[in-house]
N, C-alpha and C. Protein backbone atom coordinates (compact mmCIF):
# COMPACT_ATOMS: atom_id res chain seq x y z
N MET A 1 1.99 -16.75 12.54
CA MET A 1 3.35 -15.78 13.16
C MET A 1 2.32 -15.97 15.40
N ASP A 2 3.82 -15.04 15.02
CA ASP A 2 3.31 -14.80 17.03
C ASP A 2 1.94 -14.08 17.16
N ARG A 3 0.87 -14.46 17.50
CA ARG A 3 -0.30 -13.28 17.93
C ARG A 3 0.20 -12.49 18.34
N GLN A 4 1.08 -12.26 19.61
CA GLN A 4 1.90 -10.76 20.63
C GLN A 4 1.77 -10.14 19.20
N ILE A 5 2.39 -9.90 17.65
CA ILE A 5 2.83 -9.36 16.79
C ILE A 5 1.69 -8.61 16.60
N TYR A 6 0.33 -9.35 16.33
CA TYR A 6 -0.78 -8.40 16.22
C TYR A 6 -1.47 -8.01 16.83
N LEU A 7 -1.62 -8.20 17.99
CA LEU A 7 -1.67 -7.28 19.43
C LEU A 7 -0.53 -6.17 19.63
N ASN A 8 0.11 -6.11 19.05
CA ASN A 8 1.32 -5.49 19.48
C ASN A 8 0.93 -3.72 18.26
N ILE A 9 0.33 -4.36 17.36
CA ILE A 9 0.17 -3.61 15.52
C ILE A 9 -1.37 -2.99 16.50
N ARG A 10 -1.80 -3.36 16.71
CA ARG A 10 -3.21 -2.85 17.30
C ARG A 10 -2.61 -1.97 18.65
N ARG A 11 -2.41 -2.35 19.30
CA ARG A 11 -1.72 -1.15 20.64
C ARG A 11 -1.28 -0.27 19.89
N ILE A 12 -0.21 -0.22 19.27
CA ILE A 12 0.70 0.83 18.41
C ILE A 12 -0.29 1.88 17.29
N ARG A 13 -1.38 0.90 17.11
CA ARG A 13 -2.21 2.17 16.49
C ARG A 13 -3.00 2.96 17.36
N GLU A 14 -3.78 2.49 18.56
CA GLU A 14 -4.46 2.76 19.21
C GLU A 14 -3.80 3.88 20.10
N LEU A 15 -2.30 3.40 20.52
CA LEU A 15 -1.60 4.28 21.34
C LEU A 15 -1.18 6.05 20.52
N LYS A 16 -1.38 5.42 19.10
CA LYS A 16 -1.18 6.78 18.33
C LYS A 16 -2.75 7.15 18.04
N ASN A 17 -3.55 6.84 18.37
CA ASN A 17 -5.27 7.96 18.38
C ASN A 17 -5.19 7.48 16.27
N LEU A 18 -4.66 6.49 15.82
CA LEU A 18 -5.05 6.71 14.32
C LEU A 18 -6.12 5.30 14.06
N THR A 19 -7.13 5.61 12.91
CA THR A 19 -8.03 4.51 13.30
C THR A 19 -7.71 3.50 12.05
N ARG A 20 -8.30 2.24 12.39
CA ARG A 20 -8.43 1.15 11.40
C ARG A 20 -8.34 1.49 9.84
N GLU A 21 -9.22 2.63 10.00
CA GLU A 21 -9.53 2.93 7.97
C GLU A 21 -8.28 3.61 7.66
N PHE A 22 -8.19 4.55 8.27
CA PHE A 22 -6.43 5.54 8.08
C PHE A 22 -5.63 4.76 7.65
N VAL A 23 -5.11 3.95 8.59
CA VAL A 23 -3.91 2.50 8.11
C VAL A 23 -4.44 1.92 7.37
N ALA A 24 -5.42 1.40 6.96
CA ALA A 24 -6.06 0.38 6.10
C ALA A 24 -5.64 1.35 4.89
N ALA A 25 -6.51 2.61 4.76
CA ALA A 25 -6.54 3.76 3.94
C ALA A 25 -4.56 3.47 3.10
N GLU A 26 -3.63 3.86 3.87
CA GLU A 26 -2.37 4.26 3.76
C GLU A 26 -1.64 3.25 3.43
N LEU A 27 -2.39 1.61 3.14
CA LEU A 27 -1.67 0.40 3.47
C LEU A 27 -2.57 -0.06 1.55
N ASN A 28 -3.61 0.72 1.59
CA ASN A 28 -4.25 0.42 0.17
C ASN A 28 -4.25 -0.79 0.17
N MET A 29 -5.51 -0.87 1.34
CA MET A 29 -6.15 -2.50 1.56
C MET A 29 -7.65 -1.68 1.95
N SER A 30 -8.45 -2.83 1.78
CA SER A 30 -9.90 -2.21 3.13
C SER A 30 -10.06 -2.44 4.58
N PRO A 31 -10.82 -1.85 4.89
CA PRO A 31 -10.62 -1.32 6.59
C PRO A 31 -10.73 -3.48 7.52
N SER A 32 -11.96 -3.53 6.27
CA SER A 32 -12.12 -5.24 6.77
C SER A 32 -10.81 -6.05 6.64
N GLY A 33 -10.16 -5.64 5.52
CA GLY A 33 -8.94 -6.56 4.97
C GLY A 33 -7.77 -6.51 6.44
N TYR A 34 -7.97 -4.98 6.56
CA TYR A 34 -6.55 -4.55 7.79
C TYR A 34 -7.61 -5.18 9.16
N GLY A 35 -8.27 -5.19 9.46
CA GLY A 35 -8.61 -5.65 10.69
C GLY A 35 -8.58 -6.96 10.86
N LYS A 36 -8.49 -7.78 10.14
CA LYS A 36 -8.08 -9.47 10.21
C LYS A 36 -7.00 -9.53 10.37
N ILE A 37 -6.33 -8.60 9.96
CA ILE A 37 -4.54 -8.83 10.28
C ILE A 37 -4.15 -8.24 11.77
N GLU A 38 -5.40 -6.97 12.63
CA GLU A 38 -5.35 -6.66 13.38
C GLU A 38 -5.27 -8.00 14.58
N ARG A 39 -6.96 -8.98 13.96
CA ARG A 39 -7.07 -9.70 14.95
C ARG A 39 -6.54 -11.11 14.56
N GLY A 40 -5.14 -11.15 13.69
CA GLY A 40 -4.36 -13.07 13.51
C GLY A 40 -5.35 -13.45 12.45
N GLU A 41 -5.93 -13.01 12.49
CA GLU A 41 -6.81 -14.15 11.08
C GLU A 41 -6.31 -14.54 9.95
N VAL A 42 -5.20 -13.56 9.13
CA VAL A 42 -4.28 -13.84 8.44
C VAL A 42 -3.46 -13.44 8.51
N ASP A 43 -1.93 -14.83 8.01
CA ASP A 43 -0.69 -14.50 7.70
C ASP A 43 -0.70 -13.16 7.15
N ILE A 44 0.37 -12.57 7.16
CA ILE A 44 1.20 -11.69 6.85
C ILE A 44 2.91 -11.67 6.19
N THR A 45 3.28 -11.39 5.56
CA THR A 45 4.73 -11.17 5.12
C THR A 45 5.28 -9.78 5.44
N ILE A 46 7.05 -10.41 5.65
CA ILE A 46 7.78 -9.32 6.07
C ILE A 46 7.33 -8.26 5.48
N SER A 47 7.31 -8.09 4.30
CA SER A 47 7.31 -6.96 3.18
C SER A 47 5.82 -5.95 3.89
N ARG A 48 5.18 -6.61 4.11
CA ARG A 48 3.65 -5.67 5.04
C ARG A 48 4.05 -5.57 5.94
N LEU A 49 4.74 -5.99 7.31
CA LEU A 49 4.73 -5.60 8.17
C LEU A 49 5.30 -4.64 8.28
N TYR A 50 6.62 -4.29 7.08
CA TYR A 50 7.75 -3.13 7.46
C TYR A 50 6.31 -2.01 7.05
N GLN A 51 5.61 -2.19 5.94
CA GLN A 51 4.59 -1.45 5.17
C GLN A 51 3.79 -0.93 6.43
N ILE A 52 3.30 -1.41 7.49
CA ILE A 52 2.87 -1.56 8.59
C ILE A 52 3.39 -0.69 9.56
N SER A 53 4.72 -1.01 9.77
CA SER A 53 5.88 -0.36 10.90
C SER A 53 5.64 1.62 10.32
N ASP A 54 5.76 1.40 8.93
CA ASP A 54 6.00 3.05 8.21
C ASP A 54 4.82 3.90 8.65
N VAL A 55 3.63 2.80 8.39
CA VAL A 55 2.67 3.56 8.39
C VAL A 55 2.13 4.16 10.17
N LEU A 56 2.43 3.05 10.77
CA LEU A 56 2.44 3.40 12.07
C LEU A 56 3.65 4.27 12.96
N ASP A 57 5.34 4.76 11.65
CA ASP A 57 6.25 5.60 12.19
C ASP A 57 6.45 5.13 13.36
N VAL A 58 6.56 3.78 13.72
CA VAL A 58 7.36 3.83 14.45
C VAL A 58 8.90 2.02 13.42
N PRO A 59 9.44 1.59 14.97
CA PRO A 59 10.74 0.72 14.06
C PRO A 59 9.94 -0.69 13.58
N LEU A 60 10.48 -1.61 12.57
CA LEU A 60 10.28 -3.02 13.01
C LEU A 60 9.86 -3.70 14.13
N SER A 61 10.88 -3.57 15.04
CA SER A 61 11.69 -4.15 16.05
C SER A 61 10.08 -3.88 17.28
N SER A 62 9.60 -2.53 16.65
CA SER A 62 8.84 -2.39 18.22
C SER A 62 7.50 -2.90 18.01
N VAL A 63 6.94 -3.61 16.61
CA VAL A 63 6.01 -4.20 15.77
C VAL A 63 6.56 -5.87 16.91
N LEU A 64 6.93 -6.16 16.41
CA LEU A 64 7.73 -7.12 16.71
C LEU A 64 8.04 -7.48 18.05
N HIS A 65 8.27 -6.72 19.06
CA HIS A 65 8.95 -6.73 20.37
C HIS A 65 7.94 -5.23 21.21
N LEU A 66 6.83 -4.65 21.29
CA LEU A 66 6.36 -4.06 22.06
C LEU A 66 6.92 -3.59 22.79
N ASP A 67 7.56 -2.30 23.11
CA ASP A 67 8.35 -1.45 24.29
C ASP A 67 7.49 -0.17 24.77
N ILE A 68 6.44 -0.15 25.53
CA ILE A 68 5.86 1.30 24.86
C ILE A 68 6.22 2.66 25.39
N SER A 69 7.59 2.18 25.56
CA SER A 69 8.70 3.28 26.49
C SER A 69 8.99 4.09 25.01
N LYS A 70 9.71 3.45 24.35
CA LYS A 70 9.96 3.42 23.12
C LYS A 70 9.94 4.43 22.36
N LEU A 71 8.65 4.17 22.31
CA LEU A 71 7.50 4.75 21.55
C LEU A 71 7.85 6.34 21.31
N PHE A 72 7.76 6.89 22.58
CA PHE A 72 7.68 7.96 23.18
C PHE A 72 8.39 9.06 23.59
N CYS A 73 9.60 8.71 23.02
CA CYS A 73 10.45 9.29 23.36
C CYS A 73 11.29 10.61 23.12
């Protein structure tokens, strides 16, 4: 998967002032497992991408193609 997607996930999480631990708990996974996602160490499924976008409260398109201006409309 494109490395930019993993970076987008991290940037969105940070912009929303969410901790890795919070997002991991919402996804029912360990913080270290979630950290691997943000670092691009594991491939994730489209269903996991949808779950992440739900937790981050952004459309999936924002995770795939980050446009910061759309996050704070």
